[in-house]
C-alpha atoms as a PDB file:
ATOM      1  CA  UNK A   1      -6.735  37.523  25.896  1.00  0.00           C
ATOM      2  CA  UNK A   2      -4.067  36.530  23.351  1.00  0.00           C
ATOM      3  CA  UNK A   3      -0.580  35.964  24.689  1.00  0.00           C
ATOM      4  CA  UNK A   4       1.423  39.262  23.809  1.00  0.00           C
ATOM      5  CA  UNK A   5       4.855  38.189  25.108  1.00  0.00           C
ATOM      6  CA  UNK A   6       7.459  38.333  22.373  1.00  0.00           C
ATOM      7  CA  UNK A   7       7.481  34.801  20.457  1.00  0.00           C
ATOM      8  CA  UNK A   8      10.654  32.985  20.866  1.00  0.00           C
ATOM      9  CA  UNK A   9      13.036  33.467  17.983  1.00  0.00           C
ATOM     10  CA  UNK A  10      13.025  29.800  17.042  1.00  0.00           C
ATOM     11  CA  UNK A  11       9.214  29.839  16.853  1.00  0.00           C
ATOM     12  CA  UNK A  12       9.024  32.996  15.193  1.00  0.00           C
ATOM     13  CA  UNK A  13      11.359  31.471  12.498  1.00  0.00           C
ATOM     14  CA  UNK A  14       9.108  28.592  12.040  1.00  0.00           C
ATOM     15  CA  UNK A  15       6.275  30.856  11.410  1.00  0.00           C
ATOM     16  CA  UNK A  16       8.055  33.145   9.052  1.00  0.00           C
ATOM     17  CA  UNK A  17       9.218  29.933   7.072  1.00  0.00           C
ATOM     18  CA  UNK A  18       5.731  28.403   6.518  1.00  0.00           C
ATOM     19  CA  UNK A  19       4.270  31.718   5.670  1.00  0.00           C
ATOM     20  CA  UNK A  20       6.891  32.766   2.933  1.00  0.00           C
ATOM     21  CA  UNK A  21       6.477  29.118   1.594  1.00  0.00           C
ATOM     22  CA  UNK A  22       2.598  29.493   1.431  1.00  0.00           C
ATOM     23  CA  UNK A  23       2.717  33.019   0.102  1.00  0.00           C
ATOM     24  CA  UNK A  24       5.051  31.898  -2.652  1.00  0.00           C
ATOM     25  CA  UNK A  25       3.156  28.756  -3.297  1.00  0.00           C
ATOM     26  CA  UNK A  26       6.178  26.699  -3.030  1.00  0.00           C
ATOM     27  CA  UNK A  27       6.941  23.500  -1.252  1.00  0.00           C
ATOM     28  CA  UNK A  28       9.365  22.832   1.763  1.00  0.00           C
ATOM     29  CA  UNK A  29      11.732  20.205   1.655  1.00  0.00           C
ATOM     30  CA  UNK A  30      11.786  19.872   5.547  1.00  0.00           C
ATOM     31  CA  UNK A  31      10.373  21.511   8.593  1.00  0.00           C
ATOM     32  CA  UNK A  32      11.646  25.050   8.927  1.00  0.00           C
ATOM     33  CA  UNK A  33      13.410  24.748  12.286  1.00  0.00           C
ATOM     34  CA  UNK A  34      13.248  22.399  15.316  1.00  0.00           C
ATOM     35  CA  UNK A  35       9.826  20.851  15.870  1.00  0.00           C
ATOM     36  CA  UNK A  36       8.102  22.493  18.820  1.00  0.00           C
ATOM     37  CA  UNK A  37       8.305  20.630  22.174  1.00  0.00           C
ATOM     38  CA  UNK A  38       4.516  20.644  22.739  1.00  0.00           C
ATOM     39  CA  UNK A  39       1.097  21.767  21.422  1.00  0.00           C
ATOM     40  CA  UNK A  40       1.315  25.087  23.362  1.00  0.00           C
ATOM     41  CA  UNK A  41       4.449  25.869  21.565  1.00  0.00           C
ATOM     42  CA  UNK A  42       2.933  24.975  18.214  1.00  0.00           C
ATOM     43  CA  UNK A  43       0.049  27.129  18.683  1.00  0.00           C
ATOM     44  CA  UNK A  44       2.639  30.031  19.530  1.00  0.00           C
ATOM     45  CA  UNK A  45       3.828  29.332  15.931  1.00  0.00           C
ATOM     46  CA  UNK A  46       0.448  29.341  14.684  1.00  0.00           C
ATOM     47  CA  UNK A  47      -0.285  32.613  16.258  1.00  0.00           C
ATOM     48  CA  UNK A  48       2.881  34.188  15.065  1.00  0.00           C
ATOM     49  CA  UNK A  49       1.993  33.014  11.412  1.00  0.00           C
ATOM     50  CA  UNK A  50      -1.560  34.363  11.833  1.00  0.00           C
ATOM     51  CA  UNK A  51      -0.276  37.697  12.679  1.00  0.00           C
ATOM     52  CA  UNK A  52       1.971  37.548   9.499  1.00  0.00           C
ATOM     53  CA  UNK A  53      -0.629  36.415   7.204  1.00  0.00           C
ATOM     54  CA  UNK A  54      -2.373  39.023   5.024  1.00  0.00           C
ATOM     55  CA  UNK A  55      -5.984  38.051   5.599  1.00  0.00           C
ATOM     56  CA  UNK A  56      -8.396  37.677   8.534  1.00  0.00           C
ATOM     57  CA  UNK A  57      -9.530  34.686  10.182  1.00  0.00           C
ATOM     58  CA  UNK A  58     -13.277  33.557   9.621  1.00  0.00           C
ATOM     59  CA  UNK A  59     -13.288  30.084  11.009  1.00  0.00           C
ATOM     60  CA  UNK A  60     -11.251  27.134  12.531  1.00  0.00           C
ATOM     61  CA  UNK A  61     -10.743  23.542  11.145  1.00  0.00           C
ATOM     62  CA  UNK A  62     -10.894  20.870  13.942  1.00  0.00           C
ATOM     63  CA  UNK A  63      -8.532  17.807  13.286  1.00  0.00           C
ATOM     64  CA  UNK A  64      -8.409  14.672  15.639  1.00  0.00           C
ATOM     65  CA  UNK A  65      -5.364  13.658  17.636  1.00  0.00           C
ATOM     66  CA  UNK A  66      -4.946   9.731  17.871  1.00  0.00           C
ATOM     67  CA  UNK A  67      -4.240   8.907  21.660  1.00  0.00           C
ATOM     68  CA  UNK A  68      -0.703   7.742  21.136  1.00  0.00           C
ATOM     69  CA  UNK A  69       0.059  11.077  19.580  1.00  0.00           C
ATOM     70  CA  UNK A  70      -1.179  13.380  22.341  1.00  0.00           C
ATOM     71  CA  UNK A  71       0.887  15.397  24.730  1.00  0.00           C
ATOM     72  CA  UNK A  72       0.465  16.560  28.470  1.00  0.00           C
ATOM     73  CA  UNK A  73      -2.233  18.872  27.377  1.00  0.00           C
ATOM     74  CA  UNK A  74      -4.452  16.163  26.989  1.00  0.00           C
ATOM     75  CA  UNK A  75      -6.223  17.610  23.963  1.00  0.00           C
ATOM     76  CA  UNK A  76      -7.558  14.947  21.517  1.00  0.00           C
ATOM     77  CA  UNK A  77      -8.058  17.545  18.806  1.00  0.00           C
ATOM     78  CA  UNK A  78      -6.214  20.536  17.203  1.00  0.00           C
ATOM     79  CA  UNK A  79      -7.246  23.708  15.514  1.00  0.00           C
ATOM     80  CA  UNK A  80      -6.169  25.359  12.538  1.00  0.00           C
ATOM     81  CA  UNK A  81      -7.249  28.780  10.967  1.00  0.00           C
ATOM     82  CA  UNK A  82      -9.588  29.358   8.084  1.00  0.00           C
ATOM     83  CA  UNK A  83      -8.970  32.504   6.169  1.00  0.00           C
ATOM     84  CA  UNK A  84     -11.537  34.790   4.383  1.00  0.00           C
ATOM     85  CA  UNK A  85      -9.559  34.506   1.077  1.00  0.00           C
ATOM     86  CA  UNK A  86      -9.822  30.544   1.351  1.00  0.00           C
ATOM     87  CA  UNK A  87     -13.513  30.350   1.933  1.00  0.00           C
ATOM     88  CA  UNK A  88     -15.370  29.488  -1.240  1.00  0.00           C
ATOM     89  CA  UNK A  89     -19.188  28.745  -1.744  1.00  0.00           C
ATOM     90  CA  UNK A  90     -19.890  25.537  -3.514  1.00  0.00           C
ATOM     91  CA  UNK A  91     -21.203  25.523  -7.040  1.00  0.00           C
ATOM     92  CA  UNK A  92     -24.357  23.374  -7.339  1.00  0.00           C
ATOM     93  CA  UNK A  93     -23.925  23.464 -11.161  1.00  0.00           C
ATOM     94  CA  UNK A  94     -20.247  22.895 -11.624  1.00  0.00           C
ATOM     95  CA  UNK A  95     -16.917  22.469  -9.998  1.00  0.00           C
ATOM     96  CA  UNK A  96     -14.921  24.570  -7.546  1.00  0.00           C
ATOM     97  CA  UNK A  97     -11.294  25.154  -8.113  1.00  0.00           C
ATOM     98  CA  UNK A  98      -9.285  25.145  -5.169  1.00  0.00           C
ATOM     99  CA  UNK A  99      -5.491  25.358  -4.546  1.00  0.00           C
ATOM    100  CA  UNK A 100      -2.839  22.761  -3.156  1.00  0.00           C
ATOM    101  CA  UNK A 101       0.921  22.841  -2.820  1.00  0.00           C
ATOM    102  CA  UNK A 102       2.469  21.178  -5.589  1.00  0.00           C
ATOM    103  CA  UNK A 103       5.298  18.941  -3.936  1.00  0.00           C
ATOM    104  CA  UNK A 104       3.639  19.397  -0.718  1.00  0.00           C
ATOM    105  CA  UNK A 105       0.543  17.778   0.992  1.00  0.00           C
ATOM    106  CA  UNK A 106      -2.774  18.039  -0.531  1.00  0.00           C
ATOM    107  CA  UNK A 107      -6.049  16.240   0.462  1.00  0.00           C
ATOM    108  CA  UNK A 108      -9.794  16.905   0.779  1.00  0.00           C
ATOM    109  CA  UNK A 109     -11.913  16.120   3.635  1.00  0.00           C
ATOM    110  CA  UNK A 110     -15.662  16.013   3.810  1.00  0.00           C
ATOM    111  CA  UNK A 111     -16.940  18.268   6.580  1.00  0.00           C
ATOM    112  CA  UNK A 112     -19.882  19.129   8.790  1.00  0.00           C
ATOM    113  CA  UNK A 113     -19.360  22.848   9.430  1.00  0.00           C
ATOM    114  CA  UNK A 114     -20.999  24.960  12.279  1.00  0.00           C
ATOM    115  CA  UNK A 115     -21.586  28.564  11.930  1.00  0.00           C
ATOM    116  CA  UNK A 116     -22.074  30.582  15.233  1.00  0.00           C
ATOM    117  CA  UNK A 117     -25.152  32.623  15.387  1.00  0.00           C
ATOM    118  CA  UNK A 118     -24.119  34.204  18.752  1.00  0.00           C
ATOM    119  CA  UNK A 119     -20.756  35.028  20.272  1.00  0.00           C
ATOM    120  CA  UNK A 120     -19.625  32.381  22.685  1.00  0.00           C
ATOM    121  CA  UNK A 121     -19.233  33.710  26.373  1.00  0.00           C
ATOM    122  CA  UNK A 122     -15.541  35.084  26.500  1.00  0.00           C
ATOM    123  CA  UNK A 123     -14.914  33.793  30.008  1.00  0.00           C
ATOM    124  CA  UNK A 124     -16.178  30.153  29.363  1.00  0.00           C
ATOM    125  CA  UNK A 125     -12.801  28.172  28.903  1.00  0.00           C
ATOM    126  CA  UNK A 126     -14.514  24.607  29.033  1.00  0.00           C
ATOM    127  CA  UNK A 127     -17.448  23.349  27.348  1.00  0.00           C
ATOM    128  CA  UNK A 128     -19.351  19.964  27.454  1.00  0.00           C
ATOM    129  CA  UNK A 129     -20.750  18.737  24.088  1.00  0.00           C
ATOM    130  CA  UNK A 130     -24.291  19.510  25.628  1.00  0.00           C
ATOM    131  CA  UNK A 131     -23.450  23.060  26.344  1.00  0.00           C
ATOM    132  CA  UNK A 132     -22.008  23.457  22.954  1.00  0.00           C
ATOM    133  CA  UNK A 133     -25.255  22.091  21.180  1.00  0.00           C
ATOM    134  CA  UNK A 134     -27.168  24.573  23.066  1.00  0.00           C
ATOM    135  CA  UNK A 135     -25.152  27.605  21.478  1.00  0.00           C
ATOM    136  CA  UNK A 136     -27.048  28.941  18.603  1.00  0.00           C
ATOM    137  CA  UNK A 137     -25.248  27.570  15.311  1.00  0.00           C
ATOM    138  CA  UNK A 138     -26.198  26.656  11.931  1.00  0.00           C
ATOM    139  CA  UNK A 139     -24.950  23.246  10.434  1.00  0.00           C
ATOM    140  CA  UNK A 140     -23.711  23.331   6.725  1.00  0.00           C
ATOM    141  CA  UNK A 141     -21.960  20.879   4.419  1.00  0.00           C
ATOM    142  CA  UNK A 142     -18.494  21.455   3.348  1.00  0.00           C
ATOM    143  CA  UNK A 143     -15.132  20.345   2.214  1.00  0.00           C
ATOM    144  CA  UNK A 144     -11.860  21.223   3.750  1.00  0.00           C
ATOM    145  CA  UNK A 145      -8.791  21.675   1.627  1.00  0.00           C
ATOM    146  CA  UNK A 146      -6.057  20.001   3.487  1.00  0.00           C
ATOM    147  CA  UNK A 147      -2.775  21.270   2.057  1.00  0.00           C
ATOM    148  CA  UNK A 148       0.701  22.303   3.314  1.00  0.00           C
ATOM    149  CA  UNK A 149       3.960  23.159   1.768  1.00  0.00           C
ATOM    150  CA  UNK A 150       5.422  20.204   3.893  1.00  0.00           C
ATOM    151  CA  UNK A 151       4.651  16.851   2.186  1.00  0.00           C
ATOM    152  CA  UNK A 152       5.564  15.080   5.619  1.00  0.00           C
ATOM    153  CA  UNK A 153       3.383  17.317   7.825  1.00  0.00           C
ATOM    154  CA  UNK A 154       0.773  14.584   8.925  1.00  0.00           C
ATOM    155  CA  UNK A 155       3.842  12.057   9.419  1.00  0.00           C
ATOM    156  CA  UNK A 156       5.489  14.418  11.712  1.00  0.00           C
ATOM    157  CA  UNK A 157       2.437  14.693  14.031  1.00  0.00           C
ATOM    158  CA  UNK A 158       0.152  17.157  15.705  1.00  0.00           C
ATOM    159  CA  UNK A 159       2.958  19.709  16.853  1.00  0.00           C
ATOM    160  CA  UNK A 160       3.773  20.201  13.276  1.00  0.00           C
ATOM    161  CA  UNK A 161       0.321  20.219  11.941  1.00  0.00           C
ATOM    162  CA  UNK A 162      -0.585  23.097  14.530  1.00  0.00           C
ATOM    163  CA  UNK A 163       2.448  24.856  13.590  1.00  0.00           C
ATOM    164  CA  UNK A 164       1.496  25.023   9.870  1.00  0.00           C
ATOM    165  CA  UNK A 165      -2.272  26.519   9.961  1.00  0.00           C
ATOM    166  CA  UNK A 166      -3.516  22.942  11.049  1.00  0.00           C
ATOM    167  CA  UNK A 167      -2.795  21.757   7.601  1.00  0.00           C
ATOM    168  CA  UNK A 168      -5.609  23.842   6.153  1.00  0.00           C
ATOM    169  CA  UNK A 169      -5.660  25.781   2.885  1.00  0.00           C
ATOM    170  CA  UNK A 170      -9.344  26.680   2.501  1.00  0.00           C
ATOM    171  CA  UNK A 171     -12.962  25.485   3.045  1.00  0.00           C
ATOM    172  CA  UNK A 172     -15.699  25.053   0.344  1.00  0.00           C
ATOM    173  CA  UNK A 173     -18.880  25.610   2.021  1.00  0.00           C
ATOM    174  CA  UNK A 174     -22.297  24.215   0.916  1.00  0.00           C
ATOM    175  CA  UNK A 175     -25.770  24.474   1.949  1.00  0.00           C
ATOM    176  CA  UNK A 176     -27.570  24.408   5.299  1.00  0.00           C
ATOM    177  CA  UNK A 177     -28.667  21.130   7.137  1.00  0.00           C
ATOM    178  CA  UNK A 178     -31.914  22.494   8.793  1.00  0.00           C
ATOM    179  CA  UNK A 179     -32.774  21.588  12.323  1.00  0.00           C
ATOM    180  CA  UNK A 180     -29.353  19.762  13.050  1.00  0.00           C
ATOM    181  CA  UNK A 181     -29.854  19.661  16.946  1.00  0.00           C
ATOM    182  CA  UNK A 182     -33.063  17.389  16.513  1.00  0.00           C
ATOM    183  CA  UNK A 183     -31.333  15.071  13.932  1.00  0.00           C
ATOM    184  CA  UNK A 184     -29.841  11.561  14.621  1.00  0.00           C
ATOM    185  CA  UNK A 185     -26.256  11.797  13.538  1.00  0.00           C
ATOM    186  CA  UNK A 186     -26.390   8.373  12.212  1.00  0.00           C
ATOM    187  CA  UNK A 187     -28.501   9.897   9.275  1.00  0.00           C
ATOM    188  CA  UNK A 188     -25.833  12.288   8.359  1.00  0.00           C
ATOM    189  CA  UNK A 189     -23.951  10.326   5.817  1.00  0.00           C
ATOM    190  CA  UNK A 190     -21.093  11.439   3.351  1.00  0.00           C
ATOM    191  CA  UNK A 191     -18.992   9.673   0.565  1.00  0.00           C
ATOM    192  CA  UNK A 192     -16.042  11.115  -1.130  1.00  0.00           C
ATOM    193  CA  UNK A 193     -14.683  10.319  -4.741  1.00  0.00           C
ATOM    194  CA  UNK A 194     -11.519  11.056  -6.238  1.00  0.00           C
ATOM    195  CA  UNK A 195     -11.699  11.079 -10.204  1.00  0.00           C
ATOM    196  CA  UNK A 196     -14.997   9.298  -9.960  1.00  0.00           C
ATOM    197  CA  UNK A 197     -13.680   6.521  -7.717  1.00  0.00           C
ATOM    198  CA  UNK A 198     -15.117   6.191  -4.022  1.00  0.00           C
ATOM    199  CA  UNK A 199     -12.203   6.636  -1.699  1.00  0.00           C
ATOM    200  CA  UNK A 200     -14.155   6.963   1.608  1.00  0.00           C
ATOM    201  CA  UNK A 201     -17.617   6.428   3.365  1.00  0.00           C
ATOM    202  CA  UNK A 202     -18.697   7.840   6.547  1.00  0.00           C
ATOM    203  CA  UNK A 203     -20.516  10.782   8.124  1.00  0.00           C
ATOM    204  CA  UNK A 204     -21.179  12.556  11.458  1.00  0.00           C
ATOM    205  CA  UNK A 205     -20.823   9.284  13.428  1.00  0.00           C
ATOM    206  CA  UNK A 206     -17.286   8.957  12.256  1.00  0.00           C
ATOM    207  CA  UNK A 207     -16.051  11.879  14.386  1.00  0.00           C
ATOM    208  CA  UNK A 208     -15.227  10.615  17.996  1.00  0.00           C
ATOM    209  CA  UNK A 209     -18.095  11.965  20.123  1.00  0.00           C
ATOM    210  CA  UNK A 210     -19.912  13.330  17.200  1.00  0.00           C
ATOM    211  CA  UNK A 211     -20.409  16.928  16.019  1.00  0.00           C
ATOM    212  CA  UNK A 212     -20.854  18.051  19.531  1.00  0.00           C
ATOM    213  CA  UNK A 213     -17.643  16.975  21.044  1.00  0.00           C
ATOM    214  CA  UNK A 214     -15.849  18.565  18.203  1.00  0.00           C
ATOM    215  CA  UNK A 215     -17.754  21.742  18.601  1.00  0.00           C
ATOM    216  CA  UNK A 216     -17.114  21.824  22.375  1.00  0.00           C
ATOM    217  CA  UNK A 217     -13.368  21.385  21.853  1.00  0.00           C
ATOM    218  CA  UNK A 218     -13.262  24.296  19.410  1.00  0.00           C
ATOM    219  CA  UNK A 219     -15.159  26.556  21.600  1.00  0.00           C
ATOM    220  CA  UNK A 220     -12.799  25.711  24.844  1.00  0.00           C
ATOM    221  CA  UNK A 221      -9.517  25.603  23.064  1.00  0.00           C
ATOM    222  CA  UNK A 222     -10.196  28.833  21.304  1.00  0.00           C
ATOM    223  CA  UNK A 223     -11.197  30.655  24.493  1.00  0.00           C
ATOM    224  CA  UNK A 224      -8.046  29.347  26.443  1.00  0.00           C
ATOM    225  CA  UNK A 225      -6.109  30.841  23.513  1.00  0.00           C
ATOM    226  CA  UNK A 226      -7.714  34.120  24.119  1.00  0.00           C
ATOM    227  CA  UNK A 227      -9.513  33.826  20.969  1.00  0.00           C
ATOM    228  CA  UNK A 228     -13.332  33.140  21.936  1.00  0.00           C
ATOM    229  CA  UNK A 229     -15.442  32.389  19.036  1.00  0.00           C
ATOM    230  CA  UNK A 230     -17.763  35.092  17.660  1.00  0.00           C
ATOM    231  CA  UNK A 231     -20.880  35.042  15.746  1.00  0.00           C
ATOM    232  CA  UNK A 232     -20.490  34.256  12.167  1.00  0.00           C
ATOM    233  CA  UNK A 233     -17.291  32.119  12.560  1.00  0.00           C
ATOM    234  CA  UNK A 234     -17.215  28.792  11.039  1.00  0.00           C
ATOM    235  CA  UNK A 235     -15.924  25.311  12.839  1.00  0.00           C
ATOM    236  CA  UNK A 236     -15.252  22.588  10.375  1.00  0.00           C
ATOM    237  CA  UNK A 237     -15.788  19.683  12.645  1.00  0.00           C
ATOM    238  CA  UNK A 238     -13.403  16.974  11.159  1.00  0.00           C
ATOM    239  CA  UNK A 239     -13.094  14.530   8.456  1.00  0.00           C
ATOM    240  CA  UNK A 240     -16.214  12.515   7.982  1.00  0.00           C
ATOM    241  CA  UNK A 241     -14.973  10.100   5.357  1.00  0.00           C
ATOM    242  CA  UNK A 242     -11.243  10.253   5.898  1.00  0.00           C
ATOM    243  CA  UNK A 243      -8.326  12.237   4.597  1.00  0.00           C
ATOM    244  CA  UNK A 244      -8.108  11.741   0.985  1.00  0.00           C
ATOM    245  CA  UNK A 245      -4.961  12.565  -0.868  1.00  0.00           C
ATOM    246  CA  UNK A 246      -5.371  14.614  -4.232  1.00  0.00           C
ATOM    247  CA  UNK A 247      -2.957  15.881  -6.754  1.00  0.00           C
ATOM    248  CA  UNK A 248      -2.909  18.871  -9.074  1.00  0.00           C
ATOM    249  CA  UNK A 249      -5.467  18.142 -11.937  1.00  0.00           C
ATOM    250  CA  UNK A 250      -7.536  15.633 -10.136  1.00  0.00           C
ATOM    251  CA  UNK A 251     -11.249  16.049  -9.204  1.00  0.00           C
ATOM    252  CA  UNK A 252     -13.136  15.328  -6.177  1.00  0.00           C
ATOM    253  CA  UNK A 253     -16.842  15.022  -5.126  1.00  0.00           C
ATOM    254  CA  UNK A 254     -18.285  14.558  -1.848  1.00  0.00           C
ATOM    255  CA  UNK A 255     -22.081  13.470  -1.714  1.00  0.00           C
ATOM    256  CA  UNK A 256     -23.893  14.074   1.571  1.00  0.00           C
ATOM    257  CA  UNK A 257     -26.819  11.695   1.124  1.00  0.00           C
ATOM    258  CA  UNK A 258     -29.934  13.695   1.190  1.00  0.00           C
ATOM    259  CA  UNK A 259     -28.042  17.090   1.515  1.00  0.00           C
ATOM    260  CA  UNK A 260     -26.736  17.683  -2.007  1.00  0.00           C
ATOM    261  CA  UNK A 261     -23.062  17.320  -3.235  1.00  0.00           C
ATOM    262  CA  UNK A 262     -20.003  19.334  -3.745  1.00  0.00           C
ATOM    263  CA  UNK A 263     -17.639  19.121  -6.897  1.00  0.00           C
ATOM    264  CA  UNK A 264     -14.162  20.132  -6.934  1.00  0.00           C
ATOM    265  CA  UNK A 265     -10.898  20.232  -8.856  1.00  0.00           C
ATOM    266  CA  UNK A 266      -7.394  20.965  -7.709  1.00  0.00           C
ATOM    267  CA  UNK A 267      -4.783  23.305  -9.061  1.00  0.00           C
ATOM    268  CA  UNK A 268      -1.255  24.340  -8.020  1.00  0.00           C
ATOM    269  CA  UNK A 269      -1.197  27.144  -5.394  1.00  0.00           C
ATOM    270  CA  UNK A 270      -0.125  30.478  -7.033  1.00  0.00           C
ATOM    271  CA  UNK A 271       1.971  33.103  -5.495  1.00  0.00           C
ATOM    272  CA  UNK A 272       0.368  35.872  -3.405  1.00  0.00           C
ATOM    273  CA  UNK A 273       0.821  39.479  -5.223  1.00  0.00           C
ATOM    274  CA  UNK A 274       4.188  40.645  -4.103  1.00  0.00           C
ATOM    275  CA  UNK A 275       5.227  37.362  -2.362  1.00  0.00           C
ATOM    276  CA  UNK A 276       8.608  37.437  -4.342  1.00  0.00           C
ATOM    277  CA  UNK A 277       9.482  40.324  -2.055  1.00  0.00           C
ATOM    278  CA  UNK A 278       8.689  38.149   1.205  1.00  0.00           C
ATOM    279  CA  UNK A 279       5.369  37.840   3.028  1.00  0.00           C
END
């Protein structure tokens, strides 16, 4: 179950700062408070921010944590929420516009996305990659919109990334890759272009441990947070070609080898209705 104990005031203030900046479409000059001491505290900020955000969670992005940046939890990855209002279908015939925070951080990431076709057992807190692969799920292609009001979010590290929705501001979802459990992940290849210039090449094998390891982490960490994954939820497994900075007005294209491509263009984040009154 979710931790229902009151959020410490300092952590609640961080959540409020990020939520207000996102709702207003504004950049932040600095982290809004004292950086949480560990990932557990970062997730408490994230949970408080999710509770304040006027939308529902439809999935989770997975990000990798470099060995030198991990804490006592031992987690080698982190989670951030994907909200319904920021989930967009790819357009096979044109570009999809997406929002980044002008003056903040903005990037695109090629993603292999799993959609659960059954609820995960609520009491199962630890998952192996093999167990994760056995849970019914559909594999799709996608592009994560990685954006935060805080320009230095990645430089400041995982505790900060977790605190601000995992540095996520949306997901553009493409078509299904059929029969994924029988595929060789070496054949899942992607390339990312910014304004027509190739900026990254990779695929599923670029993810440490592959798709199944990322899926297993999402299942386990979500369950331990009191948020076991449900049928229909999405898991964006991690950047398959790198994290590619993008500015307002620039275009991006991600080609997924034999599995189509996704075209996008960045625009500045706009305030939510009523955001001037506070979120």
